[in-house]
């Protein structure tokens, strides 16, 4: 469980870091409405990741189903874009998917660390 908590924290921190980089950089090239939509999408992605990790943490012998609350986040983003003229769907969905590169980077780092540990461990002898 400690490894799961470590991975969960790493996912969230990397997602926050990607958000902290992407939103200000997008402000250099895009309009304020686009940047606001991107930021709201990033917040939605963080919320999705938190709800998903909470649902995964509850899995066990008595509960074998994931919750469905996290699926409401992208639905709310789409509904928000259809009801509010200042909110743009494409930047919001790109912001929502910001958590994906964070997950990929974290997984790549875990794999790299796992390979370096495996290389450092002594090999069993065939004696």
C-alpha atoms as a PDB file:
ATOM      1  CA  UNK A   1       0.000   0.000   0.000  1.00  0.00           C
ATOM      2  CA  UNK A   2       2.930   2.325   0.632  1.00  0.00           C
ATOM      3  CA  UNK A   3       4.069   1.883  -2.980  1.00  0.00           C
ATOM      4  CA  UNK A   4       0.579   2.749  -4.194  1.00  0.00           C
ATOM      5  CA  UNK A   5       0.556   5.941  -2.115  1.00  0.00           C
ATOM      6  CA  UNK A   6       3.989   6.878  -3.470  1.00  0.00           C
ATOM      7  CA  UNK A   7       2.867   6.352  -7.073  1.00  0.00           C
ATOM      8  CA  UNK A   8      -0.363   8.243  -6.413  1.00  0.00           C
ATOM      9  CA  UNK A   9       1.538  11.232  -4.994  1.00  0.00           C
ATOM     10  CA  UNK A  10       3.934  11.133  -7.937  1.00  0.00           C
ATOM     11  CA  UNK A  11       1.055  11.145 -10.447  1.00  0.00           C
ATOM     12  CA  UNK A  12      -0.538  14.130  -8.724  1.00  0.00           C
ATOM     13  CA  UNK A  13       2.723  16.067  -8.399  1.00  0.00           C
ATOM     14  CA  UNK A  14       3.662  15.486 -12.030  1.00  0.00           C
ATOM     15  CA  UNK A  15       0.167  16.511 -13.127  1.00  0.00           C
ATOM     16  CA  UNK A  16       0.453  19.700 -11.072  1.00  0.00           C
ATOM     17  CA  UNK A  17       3.880  20.374 -12.586  1.00  0.00           C
ATOM     18  CA  UNK A  18       2.608  19.889 -16.152  1.00  0.00           C
ATOM     19  CA  UNK A  19      -0.344  22.168 -15.346  1.00  0.00           C
ATOM     20  CA  UNK A  20       1.956  24.801 -13.835  1.00  0.00           C
ATOM     21  CA  UNK A  21       4.023  24.791 -17.018  1.00  0.00           C
ATOM     22  CA  UNK A  22       1.333  24.451 -19.694  1.00  0.00           C
ATOM     23  CA  UNK A  23      -1.157  27.058 -18.513  1.00  0.00           C
ATOM     24  CA  UNK A  24       1.293  30.005 -18.284  1.00  0.00           C
ATOM     25  CA  UNK A  25       2.970  29.000 -21.551  1.00  0.00           C
ATOM     26  CA  UNK A  26      -0.378  28.863 -23.318  1.00  0.00           C
ATOM     27  CA  UNK A  27      -1.047  32.407 -22.109  1.00  0.00           C
ATOM     28  CA  UNK A  28       1.802  33.569 -24.333  1.00  0.00           C
ATOM     29  CA  UNK A  29       0.144  32.371 -27.546  1.00  0.00           C
ATOM     30  CA  UNK A  30      -3.591  32.028 -26.986  1.00  0.00           C
ATOM     31  CA  UNK A  31      -6.510  34.204 -25.907  1.00  0.00           C
ATOM     32  CA  UNK A  32      -7.615  34.488 -22.313  1.00  0.00           C
ATOM     33  CA  UNK A  33     -10.740  32.379 -23.012  1.00  0.00           C
ATOM     34  CA  UNK A  34      -8.585  29.572 -24.379  1.00  0.00           C
ATOM     35  CA  UNK A  35      -6.225  29.733 -21.415  1.00  0.00           C
ATOM     36  CA  UNK A  36      -9.166  29.741 -18.990  1.00  0.00           C
ATOM     37  CA  UNK A  37     -10.667  26.701 -20.734  1.00  0.00           C
ATOM     38  CA  UNK A  38      -7.306  24.937 -20.581  1.00  0.00           C
ATOM     39  CA  UNK A  39      -6.956  25.735 -16.872  1.00  0.00           C
ATOM     40  CA  UNK A  40     -10.465  24.477 -16.098  1.00  0.00           C
ATOM     41  CA  UNK A  41      -9.686  21.310 -18.071  1.00  0.00           C
ATOM     42  CA  UNK A  42      -6.468  20.835 -16.072  1.00  0.00           C
ATOM     43  CA  UNK A  43      -8.417  21.188 -12.832  1.00  0.00           C
ATOM     44  CA  UNK A  44     -10.898  18.647 -14.188  1.00  0.00           C
ATOM     45  CA  UNK A  45      -8.030  16.267 -14.966  1.00  0.00           C
ATOM     46  CA  UNK A  46      -6.683  16.611 -11.430  1.00  0.00           C
ATOM     47  CA  UNK A  47     -10.146  15.993 -10.010  1.00  0.00           C
ATOM     48  CA  UNK A  48     -10.545  12.943 -12.267  1.00  0.00           C
ATOM     49  CA  UNK A  49      -7.193  11.562 -11.116  1.00  0.00           C
ATOM     50  CA  UNK A  50      -8.092  12.115  -7.444  1.00  0.00           C
ATOM     51  CA  UNK A  51     -11.484  10.430  -7.813  1.00  0.00           C
ATOM     52  CA  UNK A  52      -9.962   7.533  -9.727  1.00  0.00           C
ATOM     53  CA  UNK A  53      -7.228   6.991  -7.149  1.00  0.00           C
ATOM     54  CA  UNK A  54      -9.795   7.079  -4.336  1.00  0.00           C
ATOM     55  CA  UNK A  55     -11.868   4.503  -6.181  1.00  0.00           C
ATOM     56  CA  UNK A  56      -8.846   2.264  -6.757  1.00  0.00           C
ATOM     57  CA  UNK A  57      -7.831   2.543  -3.090  1.00  0.00           C
ATOM     58  CA  UNK A  58     -11.249   1.180  -2.068  1.00  0.00           C
ATOM     59  CA  UNK A  59     -10.776  -1.977  -4.153  1.00  0.00           C
ATOM     60  CA  UNK A  60     -10.408  -5.119  -2.099  1.00  0.00           C
ATOM     61  CA  UNK A  61     -11.891  -8.520  -1.378  1.00  0.00           C
ATOM     62  CA  UNK A  62     -15.361  -7.130  -0.671  1.00  0.00           C
ATOM     63  CA  UNK A  63     -15.371  -4.495  -3.429  1.00  0.00           C
ATOM     64  CA  UNK A  64     -14.327  -5.470  -6.939  1.00  0.00           C
ATOM     65  CA  UNK A  65     -15.884  -2.589  -8.888  1.00  0.00           C
ATOM     66  CA  UNK A  66     -14.492   0.825  -9.599  1.00  0.00           C
ATOM     67  CA  UNK A  67     -16.693   3.778  -8.789  1.00  0.00           C
ATOM     68  CA  UNK A  68     -18.187   5.755 -11.608  1.00  0.00           C
ATOM     69  CA  UNK A  69     -18.024   9.223 -10.064  1.00  0.00           C
ATOM     70  CA  UNK A  70     -14.842  10.087 -11.963  1.00  0.00           C
ATOM     71  CA  UNK A  71     -16.672   9.626 -15.258  1.00  0.00           C
ATOM     72  CA  UNK A  72     -18.782  12.677 -14.463  1.00  0.00           C
ATOM     73  CA  UNK A  73     -15.787  14.989 -14.828  1.00  0.00           C
ATOM     74  CA  UNK A  74     -15.452  14.813 -18.645  1.00  0.00           C
ATOM     75  CA  UNK A  75     -19.244  14.853 -18.968  1.00  0.00           C
ATOM     76  CA  UNK A  76     -19.382  18.076 -16.941  1.00  0.00           C
ATOM     77  CA  UNK A  77     -16.651  19.606 -19.137  1.00  0.00           C
ATOM     78  CA  UNK A  78     -18.630  18.825 -22.298  1.00  0.00           C
ATOM     79  CA  UNK A  79     -21.880  20.117 -20.796  1.00  0.00           C
ATOM     80  CA  UNK A  80     -20.139  23.252 -19.572  1.00  0.00           C
ATOM     81  CA  UNK A  81     -18.821  23.960 -23.053  1.00  0.00           C
ATOM     82  CA  UNK A  82     -22.248  23.515 -24.602  1.00  0.00           C
ATOM     83  CA  UNK A  83     -23.958  25.831 -22.091  1.00  0.00           C
ATOM     84  CA  UNK A  84     -21.352  28.552 -21.584  1.00  0.00           C
ATOM     85  CA  UNK A  85     -20.209  30.505 -24.650  1.00  0.00           C
ATOM     86  CA  UNK A  86     -16.929  31.630 -23.062  1.00  0.00           C
ATOM     87  CA  UNK A  87     -15.825  28.048 -22.422  1.00  0.00           C
ATOM     88  CA  UNK A  88     -14.093  26.214 -25.286  1.00  0.00           C
ATOM     89  CA  UNK A  89     -14.297  22.428 -25.507  1.00  0.00           C
ATOM     90  CA  UNK A  90     -11.033  21.546 -27.285  1.00  0.00           C
ATOM     91  CA  UNK A  91      -8.687  23.429 -24.911  1.00  0.00           C
ATOM     92  CA  UNK A  92     -10.650  22.050 -21.951  1.00  0.00           C
ATOM     93  CA  UNK A  93     -10.251  18.476 -23.193  1.00  0.00           C
ATOM     94  CA  UNK A  94      -6.550  19.048 -23.857  1.00  0.00           C
ATOM     95  CA  UNK A  95      -6.236  20.391 -20.316  1.00  0.00           C
ATOM     96  CA  UNK A  96      -8.181  17.416 -19.009  1.00  0.00           C
ATOM     97  CA  UNK A  97      -5.722  15.052 -20.712  1.00  0.00           C
ATOM     98  CA  UNK A  98      -2.687  16.778 -19.164  1.00  0.00           C
ATOM     99  CA  UNK A  99      -2.639  14.031 -16.540  1.00  0.00           C
ATOM    100  CA  UNK A 100      -1.744  11.466 -19.239  1.00  0.00           C
ATOM    101  CA  UNK A 101       1.843  12.687 -19.885  1.00  0.00           C
ATOM    102  CA  UNK A 102       2.342  12.831 -16.122  1.00  0.00           C
ATOM    103  CA  UNK A 103       1.264   9.201 -15.774  1.00  0.00           C
ATOM    104  CA  UNK A 104       3.486   8.160 -18.693  1.00  0.00           C
ATOM    105  CA  UNK A 105       6.506  10.013 -17.282  1.00  0.00           C
ATOM    106  CA  UNK A 106       5.980   8.568 -13.815  1.00  0.00           C
ATOM    107  CA  UNK A 107       5.648   5.055 -15.212  1.00  0.00           C
ATOM    108  CA  UNK A 108       8.784   5.498 -17.331  1.00  0.00           C
ATOM    109  CA  UNK A 109      10.715   6.653 -14.262  1.00  0.00           C
ATOM    110  CA  UNK A 110       9.442   3.670 -12.266  1.00  0.00           C
ATOM    111  CA  UNK A 111      10.495   1.293 -15.044  1.00  0.00           C
ATOM    112  CA  UNK A 112      13.921   2.891 -15.273  1.00  0.00           C
ATOM    113  CA  UNK A 113      14.375   2.674 -11.482  1.00  0.00           C
ATOM    114  CA  UNK A 114      13.185  -0.928 -11.528  1.00  0.00           C
ATOM    115  CA  UNK A 115      15.689  -1.852 -14.225  1.00  0.00           C
ATOM    116  CA  UNK A 116      18.563  -0.202 -12.375  1.00  0.00           C
ATOM    117  CA  UNK A 117      17.618  -2.083  -9.194  1.00  0.00           C
ATOM    118  CA  UNK A 118      17.392  -5.362 -11.121  1.00  0.00           C
ATOM    119  CA  UNK A 119      20.807  -4.754 -12.686  1.00  0.00           C
ATOM    120  CA  UNK A 120      22.360  -3.986  -9.289  1.00  0.00           C
ATOM    121  CA  UNK A 121      20.989  -7.081  -7.570  1.00  0.00           C
ATOM    122  CA  UNK A 122      23.208 -10.164  -7.608  1.00  0.00           C
ATOM    123  CA  UNK A 123      22.307 -12.865 -10.092  1.00  0.00           C
ATOM    124  CA  UNK A 124      21.558 -16.325  -8.702  1.00  0.00           C
ATOM    125  CA  UNK A 125      24.290 -18.816  -9.395  1.00  0.00           C
ATOM    126  CA  UNK A 126      23.660 -22.127 -11.091  1.00  0.00           C
ATOM    127  CA  UNK A 127      25.786 -24.129  -8.666  1.00  0.00           C
END
